[in-house]
Amino acid sequence: MIEKFRTWSVIIGLTLFSPLPVSLPFVWLAQGEVHDKQSAVLKAAEQPALFYLIVLFFYCDGLIWAHLCLTAAFRRFRLMSRR
């Protein structure tokens, strides 16, 4: 029973986490700036090429993390159903 609970918590956690790294660059695009804890570090109006390059990099990185999370969740789900 505990193993099924752990398995389902991993599946739900990974599935809920996977859209987060993909959605953050879209927030940056909508705001037009990348924020640090204190203030805006990089603005699209000041350095557009660097801004869009960084947003594209983090978007691709987010897609990789989402793919890894969903693959791990589905693999765990398939292993659970074989038992």
Protein backbone atom coordinates (compact mmCIF):
# COMPACT_ATOMS: atom_id res chain seq x y z
CA MET A 1 0.00 0.00 0.00
CA ILE A 2 2.81 2.40 0.87
CA GLU A 3 4.60 1.54 -2.39
CA LYS A 4 1.49 2.38 -4.45
CA PHE A 5 1.14 5.68 -2.60
CA ARG A 6 4.78 6.54 -3.29
CA THR A 7 4.42 5.57 -6.93
CA TRP A 8 1.32 7.70 -7.44
CA SER A 9 2.85 10.64 -5.57
CA VAL A 10 5.91 10.47 -7.87
CA ILE A 11 3.71 10.31 -10.95
CA ILE A 12 1.51 13.22 -9.86
CA GLY A 13 4.48 15.29 -8.70
CA LEU A 14 6.43 14.86 -11.91
CA THR A 15 3.38 15.52 -14.07
CA LEU A 16 2.59 18.72 -12.18
CA PHE A 17 6.22 19.92 -12.22
CA SER A 18 6.81 19.34 -15.93
CA PRO A 19 4.92 22.42 -17.28
CA LEU A 20 6.67 24.78 -14.84
CA PRO A 21 10.07 25.06 -16.61
CA VAL A 22 8.31 25.50 -19.96
CA SER A 23 5.96 28.26 -18.78
CA LEU A 24 8.60 30.47 -17.13
CA PRO A 25 10.13 31.72 -20.43
CA PHE A 26 6.62 32.64 -21.64
CA VAL A 27 6.21 34.82 -18.56
CA TRP A 28 9.50 36.51 -19.40
CA LEU A 29 8.30 37.10 -22.97
CA ALA A 30 5.04 38.61 -21.77
CA GLN A 31 6.80 40.91 -19.30
CA GLY A 32 9.66 41.73 -21.65
CA GLU A 33 12.28 41.34 -18.95
CA VAL A 34 14.12 38.71 -16.94
CA HIS A 35 13.93 39.35 -13.21
CA ASP A 36 16.40 38.75 -10.43
CA LYS A 37 15.39 38.84 -6.77
CA GLN A 38 15.93 42.60 -6.55
CA SER A 39 15.12 44.05 -9.98
CA ALA A 40 15.01 43.42 -13.70
CA VAL A 41 18.35 42.09 -14.92
CA LEU A 42 17.75 42.02 -18.65
CA LYS A 43 15.13 43.93 -20.63
CA ALA A 44 14.01 43.17 -24.17
CA ALA A 45 13.99 46.87 -25.09
CA GLU A 46 17.64 47.36 -24.10
CA GLN A 47 19.24 44.19 -25.50
CA PRO A 48 16.75 42.32 -27.68
CA ALA A 49 19.14 39.78 -29.22
CA LEU A 50 20.52 38.62 -25.88
CA PHE A 51 17.07 38.63 -24.27
CA TYR A 52 15.49 36.43 -26.93
CA LEU A 53 18.51 34.13 -26.99
CA ILE A 54 18.27 33.59 -23.23
CA VAL A 55 14.50 33.04 -23.39
CA LEU A 56 14.95 30.53 -26.22
CA PHE A 57 17.68 28.72 -24.28
CA PHE A 58 15.54 28.44 -21.14
CA TYR A 59 12.51 27.38 -23.21
CA CYS A 60 14.49 24.53 -24.81
CA ASP A 61 15.92 23.60 -21.41
CA GLY A 62 12.38 23.56 -20.00
CA LEU A 63 11.24 21.27 -22.80
CA ILE A 64 14.05 18.87 -21.97
CA TRP A 65 13.12 18.88 -18.27
CA ALA A 66 9.43 18.39 -19.09
CA HIS A 67 10.29 15.48 -21.37
CA LEU A 68 12.45 13.86 -18.69
CA CYS A 69 9.78 14.32 -16.02
CA LEU A 70 6.99 12.90 -18.14
CA THR A 71 9.15 10.02 -19.36
CA ALA A 72 10.05 9.12 -15.78
CA ALA A 73 6.41 9.32 -14.68
CA PHE A 74 5.16 7.17 -17.55
CA ARG A 75 7.96 4.67 -17.07
CA ARG A 76 7.08 4.42 -13.37
CA PHE A 77 3.42 4.01 -14.29
CA ARG A 78 4.21 1.18 -16.73
CA LEU A 79 6.38 -0.58 -14.16
CA MET A 80 3.60 -0.29 -11.62
CA SER A 81 1.02 -1.79 -13.99
CA ARG A 82 3.22 -4.81 -14.77
CA ARG A 83 3.29 -5.93 -11.14
